[in-house]
Each structure stands twice: as C-alpha cells, then as structure tokens.
C-alpha cells in the first residue's frame, strides 16, 4: 500500500500561501511530494464564465468551491489585474525546491489551458507550454523534467512537446497504472503516471468532509500504488487542518509514501513492462467538462 502526493498549484495565493503550508506539513511528517506550478497570468476569476457549462454550477454549490478561495482569487482576470505568478512568487517557489521537494510544470495560464486547449492551434499550444517551461527554468535555474496538465486536458501537440523535451514523466491523466499514452492513434514516449484517486473537491460534491478520509483510505488499501492529486488552494489553505489529520490517519494505517520522480526512475531502471494505453476525453465523477482518462 503505497501513496504519492501530486500538488497542483493553480493561483497566486496558492503559490504564496498554500505551498508553504503544505511543504511545512510534509516536512513535519516526513512525506515526499511533487509540486506542479502554474507560472504565468493568474486569471482564475474568469472561471466564473464556466457557470454555463453543464454540471459546473451544481459542483460549485455542492462542494462550496467559491467559499474555498479568497475574494482576490475569485476576481483575478476580471475586476482585478492578472499578475505573473512566477514573477510575484519566485522566492516561494525556490524555497519549496530548496527543501528537497520535486517541482514541475502545471501550466502557463491555468484558466486558458483548462478551458481552451481543445481549441488551440499547434502554435498556441507550443507557446503556452514552452512559455511555462521557460518561466520554470528562469525561477528554478534548472529545466523541468515533469509536468501535469491543468484540468487533465491533453492534446497530441502537447504530448509531442513532452517527448521532444525528453520529460522523465507526466501526470496528465486519470487512471489506474503507469502507461505510455496513445491519443487519436498516435503513441508517445513520455511515461504517464495517472492520478488514481478522487480529489477532495470531487468527493465533497456527494460526501461529508468527515467521511472522506475513510473513503480515501479504503481506496488506497485496495491498490498496490496510488496517486493523489491535492491542491495548494484546498488542502494547503481551506482544508489544511483536515489534511494534517488525514496524514496522521495514513501513518496510523501504515501507508508507505513515495515520490513520483523516484517512482518514474525506478520504472525506467528496472525496465518494467509498461503497457501502451489509449487516452480518451470523457466525463468523470463529479467533474464538469471532459478530462483525459486512461483506458
């Protein structure tokens, strides 16, 4: 029973506050984690326009999404300006790397990537992803070797960029085991390590917070290896106390923690037989829109 944490960092506040909270917590409990950063403009306030998307309003109301984010975050890109996260929060980003945590790329503009990737041209996708990688290198002074797409959105052009940049692995999908992705008939070389567990915001739609820890533990115990995506803005801020209690429960249940980078290297070094699996954009449990699913 092994578990890895992937931390998606979506906003300015998540980077400046949630990342530090989580890194401090992980150090305290000796838990490895991978932090994936949004690096460009924070325009998350524009997500309000998704209210017309099927299922989005229902999810927001049931999971109290709006109540989990600061007023500034909810207004960025609309009434408030859109700061460049990598410029405003470079010290916070470098600090988490200095503490020994793996850091990778989430996206350039989270709102844009999550909502419009399927409409972008090859050039636009290259500009977005290469722009994120360039800002990452400027902040950390080394190149990223891992990434995880905002909103689990993927495209053939995006997978080709990962291959061209020789990423060690990516975590762009929801699924059940490491695999090499095949999208629209095209096979790619970058290892996918999918998120295997439901996220907190998904579970909050239909469950009480007090029940979620046991739901997650039961799922972890039913698998050899699990990957959980958490968010700097949720587990690192609004649900920080709950998350520490959850970590303590995991330790009592003798769950073994591992890092995604080390896991990817071990798969590569042992030449484990890793399958090629199709990736399809599908509806997913308590989530609006389509996301990338391992088949």
Protein backbone atom coordinates (compact mmCIF):
# COMPACT_ATOMS: atom_id res chain seq x y z
CA UNK A 1 0.00 0.00 0.00
CA UNK A 2 1.91 2.99 -1.33
CA UNK A 3 0.79 6.57 -1.90
CA UNK A 4 2.24 9.57 -3.74
CA UNK A 5 1.04 13.17 -3.50
CA UNK A 6 0.92 15.45 -6.53
CA UNK A 7 0.23 19.07 -5.57
CA UNK A 8 -1.40 21.22 -8.24
CA UNK A 9 -0.72 24.91 -7.65
CA UNK A 10 -3.24 26.98 -9.59
CA UNK A 11 -3.19 30.55 -8.28
CA UNK A 12 -1.09 33.37 -6.83
CA UNK A 13 -2.48 32.81 -3.32
CA UNK A 14 -1.98 29.08 -3.61
CA UNK A 15 1.66 29.67 -4.51
CA UNK A 16 2.36 32.30 -1.87
CA UNK A 17 0.43 30.68 1.00
CA UNK A 18 -0.71 27.13 0.28
CA UNK A 19 2.63 25.85 -0.98
CA UNK A 20 4.45 26.97 2.17
CA UNK A 21 1.75 25.46 4.39
CA UNK A 22 1.95 22.11 2.61
CA UNK A 23 5.74 21.97 2.44
CA UNK A 24 5.91 22.66 6.17
CA UNK A 25 3.37 19.91 6.82
CA UNK A 26 5.15 17.39 4.57
CA UNK A 27 8.48 18.11 6.26
CA UNK A 28 6.91 17.72 9.70
CA UNK A 29 5.53 14.29 8.80
CA UNK A 30 8.42 13.21 6.55
CA UNK A 31 6.24 12.84 3.46
CA UNK A 32 7.59 13.38 -0.10
CA UNK A 33 5.52 15.30 -2.64
CA UNK A 34 5.66 16.77 -6.14
CA UNK A 35 4.63 20.40 -6.61
CA UNK A 36 3.40 21.41 -10.09
CA UNK A 37 3.27 25.15 -10.66
CA UNK A 38 1.14 27.50 -12.73
CA UNK A 39 3.67 30.13 -13.79
CA UNK A 40 2.01 32.78 -15.94
CA UNK A 41 -1.01 35.04 -15.51
CA UNK A 42 -3.44 34.25 -12.72
CA UNK A 43 -6.82 34.70 -14.41
CA UNK A 44 -8.74 32.19 -12.33
CA UNK A 45 -11.53 34.68 -11.70
CA UNK A 46 -12.58 34.19 -15.30
CA UNK A 47 -13.68 30.67 -14.40
CA UNK A 48 -16.97 32.26 -13.38
CA UNK A 49 -17.84 32.15 -17.07
CA UNK A 50 -17.90 28.34 -16.80
CA UNK A 51 -21.20 28.74 -14.96
CA UNK A 52 -22.93 27.97 -18.27
CA UNK A 53 -21.03 24.68 -18.63
CA UNK A 54 -23.10 21.59 -17.86
CA UNK A 55 -22.58 20.43 -14.27
CA UNK A 56 -20.26 23.28 -13.25
CA UNK A 57 -22.75 25.27 -11.15
CA UNK A 58 -24.01 22.12 -9.45
CA UNK A 59 -20.48 21.11 -8.48
CA UNK A 60 -19.67 24.61 -7.20
CA UNK A 61 -22.74 24.73 -4.98
CA UNK A 62 -22.32 21.25 -3.53
CA UNK A 63 -18.57 21.47 -2.90
CA UNK A 64 -18.58 25.15 -1.83
CA UNK A 65 -15.86 25.97 -4.37
CA UNK A 66 -16.37 29.73 -4.09
CA UNK A 67 -16.08 29.57 -0.30
CA UNK A 68 -12.72 27.83 -0.56
CA UNK A 69 -10.99 30.64 -2.48
CA UNK A 70 -10.11 34.19 -1.45
CA UNK A 71 -12.04 37.13 -2.89
CA UNK A 72 -8.87 38.25 -4.72
CA UNK A 73 -8.57 34.87 -6.45
CA UNK A 74 -12.21 34.96 -7.49
CA UNK A 75 -11.72 38.41 -9.07
CA UNK A 76 -8.34 37.97 -10.77
CA UNK A 77 -8.58 38.42 -14.52
CA UNK A 78 -11.92 40.24 -14.26
CA UNK A 79 -12.10 43.22 -11.88
CA UNK A 80 -8.56 42.70 -10.58
CA UNK A 81 -5.42 42.52 -12.77
CA UNK A 82 -3.70 39.25 -13.70
CA UNK A 83 -0.25 39.05 -12.08
CA UNK A 84 2.51 36.79 -13.44
CA UNK A 85 2.79 34.18 -10.70
CA UNK A 86 6.44 33.29 -11.42
CA UNK A 87 7.42 36.94 -11.02
CA UNK A 88 5.46 37.56 -7.82
CA UNK A 89 6.21 34.24 -6.11
CA UNK A 90 9.66 33.16 -7.28
CA UNK A 91 11.02 33.11 -3.70
CA UNK A 92 8.19 30.84 -2.51
CA UNK A 93 8.76 28.51 -5.45
CA UNK A 94 12.51 28.27 -4.93
CA UNK A 95 12.01 27.68 -1.22
CA UNK A 96 9.99 24.51 -1.74
CA UNK A 97 12.63 23.18 -4.13
CA UNK A 98 15.37 24.02 -1.62
CA UNK A 99 13.51 21.88 0.92
CA UNK A 100 14.06 18.87 -1.35
CA UNK A 101 10.64 18.57 -2.96
CA UNK A 102 10.34 17.79 -6.65
CA UNK A 103 8.94 20.69 -8.68
CA UNK A 104 7.43 20.57 -12.15
CA UNK A 105 5.22 22.41 -14.62
CA UNK A 106 1.46 22.65 -14.30
CA UNK A 107 0.79 25.29 -16.98
CA UNK A 108 1.35 28.88 -18.03
CA UNK A 109 -2.20 30.24 -17.75
CA UNK A 110 -4.43 27.80 -15.85
CA UNK A 111 -7.71 29.32 -16.96
CA UNK A 112 -6.70 29.40 -20.61
CA UNK A 113 -5.22 25.88 -20.70
CA UNK A 114 -8.07 24.20 -18.84
CA UNK A 115 -10.83 25.84 -20.85
CA UNK A 116 -9.41 26.31 -24.34
CA UNK A 117 -6.73 23.69 -25.04
CA UNK A 118 -9.03 21.80 -27.39
CA UNK A 119 -9.47 24.97 -29.46
CA UNK A 120 -5.78 25.97 -29.61
CA UNK A 121 -3.62 25.71 -32.70
CA UNK A 122 -0.29 23.89 -32.66
CA UNK A 123 1.48 27.23 -32.37
CA UNK A 124 -0.69 28.34 -29.43
CA UNK A 125 -0.08 25.07 -27.56
CA UNK A 126 3.66 25.37 -28.14
CA UNK A 127 3.66 28.99 -26.94
CA UNK A 128 1.73 28.10 -23.78
CA UNK A 129 3.75 25.05 -22.78
CA UNK A 130 7.17 26.35 -23.85
CA UNK A 131 6.38 29.62 -22.10
CA UNK A 132 5.66 27.74 -18.88
CA UNK A 133 8.87 25.73 -19.20
CA UNK A 134 10.91 28.89 -19.83
CA UNK A 135 9.49 30.63 -16.76
CA UNK A 136 10.10 27.47 -14.73
CA UNK A 137 13.77 27.44 -15.74
CA UNK A 138 14.10 31.15 -15.01
CA UNK A 139 12.78 30.64 -11.46
CA UNK A 140 14.48 27.37 -10.54
CA UNK A 141 17.62 27.62 -12.71
CA UNK A 142 17.13 24.08 -13.98
CA UNK A 143 14.83 22.53 -16.56
CA UNK A 144 11.61 20.78 -15.63
CA UNK A 145 11.51 17.01 -16.12
CA UNK A 146 7.89 16.50 -15.09
CA UNK A 147 4.52 18.09 -15.74
CA UNK A 148 0.84 17.65 -15.04
CA UNK A 149 -1.77 19.33 -17.18
CA UNK A 150 -4.22 21.84 -15.72
CA UNK A 151 -7.68 20.29 -15.57
CA UNK A 152 -6.36 16.99 -17.00
CA UNK A 153 -6.57 18.46 -20.52
CA UNK A 154 -4.41 16.88 -23.24
CA UNK A 155 -3.77 17.10 -26.97
CA UNK A 156 -1.48 15.37 -29.43
CA UNK A 157 0.63 18.51 -29.82
CA UNK A 158 1.08 18.67 -26.05
CA UNK A 159 2.24 15.05 -25.82
CA UNK A 160 4.68 15.66 -28.70
CA UNK A 161 6.22 18.57 -26.79
CA UNK A 162 6.82 16.32 -23.77
CA UNK A 163 8.59 13.80 -25.99
CA UNK A 164 10.68 16.49 -27.70
CA UNK A 165 11.74 17.92 -24.33
CA UNK A 166 12.53 14.40 -23.06
CA UNK A 167 10.48 14.71 -19.88
CA UNK A 168 11.03 11.89 -17.38
CA UNK A 169 7.29 11.54 -16.85
CA UNK A 170 3.97 13.38 -16.95
CA UNK A 171 0.84 13.11 -14.83
CA UNK A 172 -1.86 14.47 -17.12
CA UNK A 173 -4.49 11.76 -16.82
CA UNK A 174 -6.83 9.89 -14.50
CA UNK A 175 -6.31 6.16 -14.46
CA UNK A 176 -5.05 3.09 -12.66
CA UNK A 177 -1.37 2.36 -13.51
CA UNK A 178 1.69 3.87 -15.25
CA UNK A 179 1.48 3.66 -19.05
CA UNK A 180 2.59 5.13 -22.36
CA UNK A 181 -0.24 7.15 -23.90
CA UNK A 182 -1.88 6.63 -27.27
CA UNK A 183 -4.07 9.55 -28.31
CA UNK A 184 -6.03 9.56 -31.56
CA UNK A 185 -3.98 6.59 -32.73
CA UNK A 186 -0.59 8.21 -32.05
CA UNK A 187 1.72 6.60 -29.45
CA UNK A 188 4.00 8.78 -27.29
CA UNK A 189 7.21 8.05 -25.40
CA UNK A 190 6.75 10.05 -22.19
CA UNK A 191 5.64 7.90 -19.26
CA UNK A 192 2.24 8.78 -17.81
CA UNK A 193 1.73 8.31 -14.06
CA UNK A 194 -2.00 8.98 -13.68
CA UNK A 195 -3.94 10.22 -10.68
CA UNK A 196 -5.70 7.12 -9.35
CA UNK A 197 -7.81 8.57 -6.53
CA UNK A 198 -10.69 11.03 -6.47
CA UNK A 199 -9.81 14.59 -5.49
CA UNK A 200 -11.16 16.36 -2.44
CA UNK A 201 -13.37 18.71 -4.44
CA UNK A 202 -14.89 15.77 -6.33
CA UNK A 203 -15.70 13.89 -3.13
CA UNK A 204 -17.12 16.96 -1.41
CA UNK A 205 -19.89 17.13 -4.02
CA UNK A 206 -21.54 13.99 -2.65
CA UNK A 207 -19.91 13.29 0.74
CA UNK A 208 -19.43 14.90 4.14
CA UNK A 209 -15.89 16.05 4.89
CA UNK A 210 -15.85 13.81 7.96
CA UNK A 211 -16.35 10.73 5.76
CA UNK A 212 -13.77 11.50 3.08
CA UNK A 213 -10.66 10.32 4.94
CA UNK A 214 -12.00 6.79 5.32
CA UNK A 215 -13.21 6.74 1.71
CA UNK A 216 -9.68 7.56 0.55
CA UNK A 217 -8.01 5.09 2.91
CA UNK A 218 -10.25 2.29 1.68
CA UNK A 219 -9.29 3.05 -1.93
CA UNK A 220 -5.58 3.19 -1.06
CA UNK A 221 -5.76 -0.19 0.70
CA UNK A 222 -7.34 -1.75 -2.39
CA UNK A 223 -4.36 -0.88 -4.61
CA UNK A 224 -0.63 -1.53 -4.55
CA UNK A 225 0.21 2.01 -5.67
CA UNK A 226 -2.00 5.11 -5.50
CA UNK A 227 -1.51 8.68 -6.67
CA UNK A 228 -3.50 11.51 -5.10
CA UNK A 229 -3.80 14.99 -6.59
CA UNK A 230 -4.25 17.68 -3.97
CA UNK A 231 -4.46 21.45 -4.41
CA UNK A 232 -2.44 24.18 -2.72
CA UNK A 233 -5.63 26.25 -2.52
CA UNK A 234 -7.66 23.49 -0.82
CA UNK A 235 -5.59 21.07 1.25
CA UNK A 236 -2.94 23.79 1.65
CA UNK A 237 -5.34 26.51 2.79
CA UNK A 238 -9.06 25.99 3.32
CA UNK A 239 -8.69 22.33 4.41
CA UNK A 240 -5.20 22.41 5.93
CA UNK A 241 -6.29 21.14 9.34
CA UNK A 242 -8.29 18.32 7.77
CA UNK A 243 -5.34 17.38 5.60
CA UNK A 244 -2.94 17.09 8.54
CA UNK A 245 -5.43 14.84 10.31
CA UNK A 246 -5.65 12.79 7.13
CA UNK A 247 -1.85 12.41 7.02
CA UNK A 248 -1.87 11.19 10.61
CA UNK A 249 -4.55 8.64 9.74
CA UNK A 250 -2.50 7.41 6.79
CA UNK A 251 0.53 6.93 9.02
CA UNK A 252 -1.56 5.00 11.57
CA UNK A 253 -2.75 2.78 8.73
CA UNK A 254 0.91 2.11 7.78
CA UNK A 255 0.57 3.60 4.32
CA UNK A 256 4.01 3.98 2.70
CA UNK A 257 4.71 7.30 0.97
CA UNK A 258 6.80 7.66 -2.18
CA UNK A 259 7.87 10.38 -4.60
CA UNK A 260 6.78 10.42 -8.23
CA UNK A 261 10.25 11.20 -9.58
CA UNK A 262 11.81 8.25 -7.74
CA UNK A 263 8.94 6.05 -8.88
CA UNK A 264 9.43 7.04 -12.51
CA UNK A 265 13.18 6.42 -12.28
CA UNK A 266 12.62 3.00 -10.71
CA UNK A 267 10.26 2.00 -13.51
CA UNK A 268 12.80 3.17 -16.05
CA UNK A 269 15.78 1.49 -14.38
CA UNK A 270 14.08 -1.86 -13.78
CA UNK A 271 12.74 -1.85 -17.34
CA UNK A 272 9.30 -2.76 -16.05
CA UNK A 273 6.90 -3.89 -18.75
CA UNK A 274 4.75 -0.79 -19.16
CA UNK A 275 1.72 -1.02 -21.43
CA UNK A 276 0.54 1.40 -24.09
CA UNK A 277 -2.99 2.56 -23.25
CA UNK A 278 -5.46 4.75 -25.08
CA UNK A 279 -6.33 8.14 -23.64
CA UNK A 280 -9.85 9.42 -24.16
CA UNK A 281 -11.52 12.67 -23.19
CA UNK A 282 -14.52 11.63 -21.08
CA UNK A 283 -16.95 12.79 -18.43
CA UNK A 284 -15.69 12.00 -14.93
CA UNK A 285 -17.14 11.54 -11.43
CA UNK A 286 -18.48 14.83 -10.02
CA UNK A 287 -16.49 16.92 -12.52
CA UNK A 288 -17.83 19.19 -15.24
CA UNK A 289 -16.47 19.01 -18.77
CA UNK A 290 -14.24 16.32 -20.28
CA UNK A 291 -10.91 15.15 -18.88
CA UNK A 292 -8.20 12.72 -20.01
CA UNK A 293 -8.89 9.14 -18.92
CA UNK A 294 -6.65 6.08 -19.24
CA UNK A 295 -8.49 3.25 -20.99
